[in-house]
Amino acid sequence: QVQLVESGGGLVQPGGSLRLSCAASGIIFRLYDMGWYRQAPGKQRELVARITSGGSTNYADSVKGRFTISRDNAKNTVYLQMNSLKPEDTAVYYCNVNVDFKGYWGQGTQVTVSS
C-alpha cells in the first residue's frame, strides 16, 4: 500500500525559509518520479516541482530560483527547500507519486507566509 507522509510546514515570515519532507512507503522509491504540489484557498492544485528517478528537476516559474527539490533514496524521502518565501506561497503542500497510472497523495502540510 502506497503511503506518503508530509511534514515540515508551519508559519513563517516573508523572506523566511522552510524545508518540507515527504516520506514514502509501499513503493521502490528510487524507481519513481516524485512531485510537490500546492493548493491555496479557492484555487486549483498546482505543480510546484518534480524530480525524476534519475534526479532531473523542473519547477513552476513562480518558484524558480527560490525552491529546490531533492531526494534521498536511502531514506525514501523527497524534500522541498523553500527560501525567500512570499505571502503568495501560502498553501497546503502535497507530495505526489504516480504508480501504475494511479496518483497517490499525502495528507498535505500547511505553509503560511505572513508577518
C-alpha atoms as a PDB file:
ATOM      1  CA  GLN A   1       0.000   0.000   0.000  1.00  0.00           C
ATOM      2  CA  VAL A   2       1.445   3.321  -1.098  1.00  0.00           C
ATOM      3  CA  GLN A   3       1.690   5.924   1.649  1.00  0.00           C
ATOM      4  CA  LEU A   4       3.085   9.444   1.575  1.00  0.00           C
ATOM      5  CA  VAL A   5       3.535  11.467   4.754  1.00  0.00           C
ATOM      6  CA  GLU A   6       4.454  15.145   4.554  1.00  0.00           C
ATOM      7  CA  SER A   7       5.962  17.214   7.340  1.00  0.00           C
ATOM      8  CA  GLY A   8       7.754  20.494   7.900  1.00  0.00           C
ATOM      9  CA  GLY A   9       5.071  23.066   7.260  1.00  0.00           C
ATOM     10  CA  GLY A  10       4.348  25.993   9.521  1.00  0.00           C
ATOM     11  CA  LEU A  11       4.083  29.741   9.893  1.00  0.00           C
ATOM     12  CA  VAL A  12       6.989  31.799   8.570  1.00  0.00           C
ATOM     13  CA  GLN A  13       7.584  35.482   7.902  1.00  0.00           C
ATOM     14  CA  PRO A  14       8.061  36.794   4.369  1.00  0.00           C
ATOM     15  CA  GLY A  15      11.637  36.198   3.273  1.00  0.00           C
ATOM     16  CA  GLY A  16      11.973  33.179   5.540  1.00  0.00           C
ATOM     17  CA  SER A  17      12.682  29.539   4.768  1.00  0.00           C
ATOM     18  CA  LEU A  18      11.125  26.144   5.384  1.00  0.00           C
ATOM     19  CA  ARG A  19      12.044  22.611   4.375  1.00  0.00           C
ATOM     20  CA  LEU A  20       9.273  20.164   3.667  1.00  0.00           C
ATOM     21  CA  SER A  21       9.780  16.411   3.798  1.00  0.00           C
ATOM     22  CA  CYS A  22       7.735  13.584   2.311  1.00  0.00           C
ATOM     23  CA  ALA A  23       8.392  10.041   3.477  1.00  0.00           C
ATOM     24  CA  ALA A  24       7.195   7.337   1.096  1.00  0.00           C
ATOM     25  CA  SER A  25       6.417   3.697   1.777  1.00  0.00           C
ATOM     26  CA  GLY A  26       4.925   0.833  -0.193  1.00  0.00           C
ATOM     27  CA  ILE A  27       6.967   1.558  -3.315  1.00  0.00           C
ATOM     28  CA  ILE A  28      10.507   1.006  -4.553  1.00  0.00           C
ATOM     29  CA  PHE A  29      11.138   4.692  -4.058  1.00  0.00           C
ATOM     30  CA  ARG A  30      14.228   5.042  -6.234  1.00  0.00           C
ATOM     31  CA  LEU A  31      12.280   3.939  -9.317  1.00  0.00           C
ATOM     32  CA  TYR A  32       9.674   6.695  -9.233  1.00  0.00           C
ATOM     33  CA  ASP A  33       9.433  10.349 -10.136  1.00  0.00           C
ATOM     34  CA  MET A  34       8.156  12.444  -7.225  1.00  0.00           C
ATOM     35  CA  GLY A  35       6.332  15.742  -7.139  1.00  0.00           C
ATOM     36  CA  TRP A  36       5.335  18.573  -4.831  1.00  0.00           C
ATOM     37  CA  TYR A  37       2.050  20.354  -5.467  1.00  0.00           C
ATOM     38  CA  ARG A  38       0.238  23.091  -3.593  1.00  0.00           C
ATOM     39  CA  GLN A  39      -3.303  24.322  -3.250  1.00  0.00           C
ATOM     40  CA  ALA A  40      -4.208  27.761  -1.982  1.00  0.00           C
ATOM     41  CA  PRO A  41      -7.725  28.592  -0.752  1.00  0.00           C
ATOM     42  CA  GLY A  42     -10.118  28.980  -3.670  1.00  0.00           C
ATOM     43  CA  LYS A  43      -7.519  27.887  -6.215  1.00  0.00           C
ATOM     44  CA  GLN A  44      -6.739  24.706  -8.098  1.00  0.00           C
ATOM     45  CA  ARG A  45      -3.933  22.428  -7.053  1.00  0.00           C
ATOM     46  CA  GLU A  46      -0.779  23.296  -8.985  1.00  0.00           C
ATOM     47  CA  LEU A  47       2.572  21.691  -9.621  1.00  0.00           C
ATOM     48  CA  VAL A  48       5.426  23.259  -7.667  1.00  0.00           C
ATOM     49  CA  ALA A  49       8.342  20.962  -8.501  1.00  0.00           C
ATOM     50  CA  ARG A  50       9.122  17.473  -9.736  1.00  0.00           C
ATOM     51  CA  ILE A  51      12.172  15.252  -9.553  1.00  0.00           C
ATOM     52  CA  THR A  52      12.684  12.216 -11.732  1.00  0.00           C
ATOM     53  CA  SER A  53      14.062   8.875 -10.608  1.00  0.00           C
ATOM     54  CA  GLY A  54      17.319   9.956 -12.223  1.00  0.00           C
ATOM     55  CA  GLY A  55      17.426  13.240 -10.344  1.00  0.00           C
ATOM     56  CA  SER A  56      16.340  15.672 -13.058  1.00  0.00           C
ATOM     57  CA  THR A  57      14.197  18.517 -11.778  1.00  0.00           C
ATOM     58  CA  ASN A  58      11.672  21.012 -13.039  1.00  0.00           C
ATOM     59  CA  TYR A  59       9.910  23.895 -11.321  1.00  0.00           C
ATOM     60  CA  ALA A  60       6.937  26.161 -11.675  1.00  0.00           C
ATOM     61  CA  ASP A  61       8.026  29.578 -12.923  1.00  0.00           C
ATOM     62  CA  SER A  62       6.729  31.168  -9.733  1.00  0.00           C
ATOM     63  CA  VAL A  63       9.234  29.293  -7.554  1.00  0.00           C
ATOM     64  CA  LYS A  64      12.299  29.026  -9.795  1.00  0.00           C
ATOM     65  CA  GLY A  65      15.406  30.255  -8.044  1.00  0.00           C
ATOM     66  CA  ARG A  66      13.738  30.100  -4.623  1.00  0.00           C
ATOM     67  CA  PHE A  67      12.708  26.456  -4.156  1.00  0.00           C
ATOM     68  CA  THR A  68      14.812  23.321  -4.516  1.00  0.00           C
ATOM     69  CA  ILE A  69      13.502  19.766  -4.736  1.00  0.00           C
ATOM     70  CA  SER A  70      15.775  16.879  -3.794  1.00  0.00           C
ATOM     71  CA  ARG A  71      15.531  13.238  -2.839  1.00  0.00           C
ATOM     72  CA  ASP A  72      17.301  10.760  -0.580  1.00  0.00           C
ATOM     73  CA  ASN A  73      16.677   7.272  -1.930  1.00  0.00           C
ATOM     74  CA  ALA A  74      18.261   5.665   1.132  1.00  0.00           C
ATOM     75  CA  LYS A  75      15.605   7.337   3.288  1.00  0.00           C
ATOM     76  CA  ASN A  76      12.714   7.032   0.818  1.00  0.00           C
ATOM     77  CA  THR A  77      12.210  10.764   1.235  1.00  0.00           C
ATOM     78  CA  VAL A  78      11.745  13.739  -1.054  1.00  0.00           C
ATOM     79  CA  TYR A  79      12.384  17.276   0.163  1.00  0.00           C
ATOM     80  CA  LEU A  80      11.343  20.768  -0.826  1.00  0.00           C
ATOM     81  CA  GLN A  81      13.642  23.527   0.379  1.00  0.00           C
ATOM     82  CA  MET A  82      11.756  26.816   0.205  1.00  0.00           C
ATOM     83  CA  ASN A  83      13.678  30.083   0.519  1.00  0.00           C
ATOM     84  CA  SER A  84      12.679  33.715   0.142  1.00  0.00           C
ATOM     85  CA  LEU A  85       9.102  32.810   0.905  1.00  0.00           C
ATOM     86  CA  LYS A  86       6.332  35.169  -0.142  1.00  0.00           C
ATOM     87  CA  PRO A  87       2.746  35.542   1.110  1.00  0.00           C
ATOM     88  CA  GLU A  88       1.557  34.098  -2.202  1.00  0.00           C
ATOM     89  CA  ASP A  89       3.345  30.839  -1.339  1.00  0.00           C
ATOM     90  CA  THR A  90       0.745  30.261   1.378  1.00  0.00           C
ATOM     91  CA  ALA A  91      -0.977  26.952   0.618  1.00  0.00           C
ATOM     92  CA  VAL A  92      -1.330  23.344   1.607  1.00  0.00           C
ATOM     93  CA  TYR A  93       1.594  21.468   0.087  1.00  0.00           C
ATOM     94  CA  TYR A  94       1.139  17.887  -1.102  1.00  0.00           C
ATOM     95  CA  CYS A  95       3.535  15.154  -2.113  1.00  0.00           C
ATOM     96  CA  ASN A  96       2.639  13.042  -5.156  1.00  0.00           C
ATOM     97  CA  VAL A  97       3.688   9.852  -6.863  1.00  0.00           C
ATOM     98  CA  ASN A  98       2.095   8.099  -9.836  1.00  0.00           C
ATOM     99  CA  VAL A  99       2.163   4.312  -9.682  1.00  0.00           C
ATOM    100  CA  ASP A 100       0.638   2.206 -12.461  1.00  0.00           C
ATOM    101  CA  PHE A 101      -1.261   5.259 -13.799  1.00  0.00           C
ATOM    102  CA  LYS A 102      -2.777   5.995 -10.389  1.00  0.00           C
ATOM    103  CA  GLY A 103      -1.909   9.134  -8.461  1.00  0.00           C
ATOM    104  CA  TYR A 104      -1.179   8.944  -4.754  1.00  0.00           C
ATOM    105  CA  TRP A 105      -1.192  11.929  -2.419  1.00  0.00           C
ATOM    106  CA  GLY A 106      -0.165  12.640   1.106  1.00  0.00           C
ATOM    107  CA  GLN A 107      -2.384  14.367   3.640  1.00  0.00           C
ATOM    108  CA  GLY A 108      -0.726  17.716   2.996  1.00  0.00           C
ATOM    109  CA  THR A 109       1.162  20.167   5.181  1.00  0.00           C
ATOM    110  CA  GLN A 110       0.115  23.791   5.679  1.00  0.00           C
ATOM    111  CA  VAL A 111       2.568  26.558   4.827  1.00  0.00           C
ATOM    112  CA  THR A 112       1.580  30.072   5.885  1.00  0.00           C
ATOM    113  CA  VAL A 113       3.732  33.058   4.986  1.00  0.00           C
ATOM    114  CA  SER A 114       2.688  36.103   6.947  1.00  0.00           C
ATOM    115  CA  SER A 115       4.103  38.865   9.082  1.00  0.00           C
END
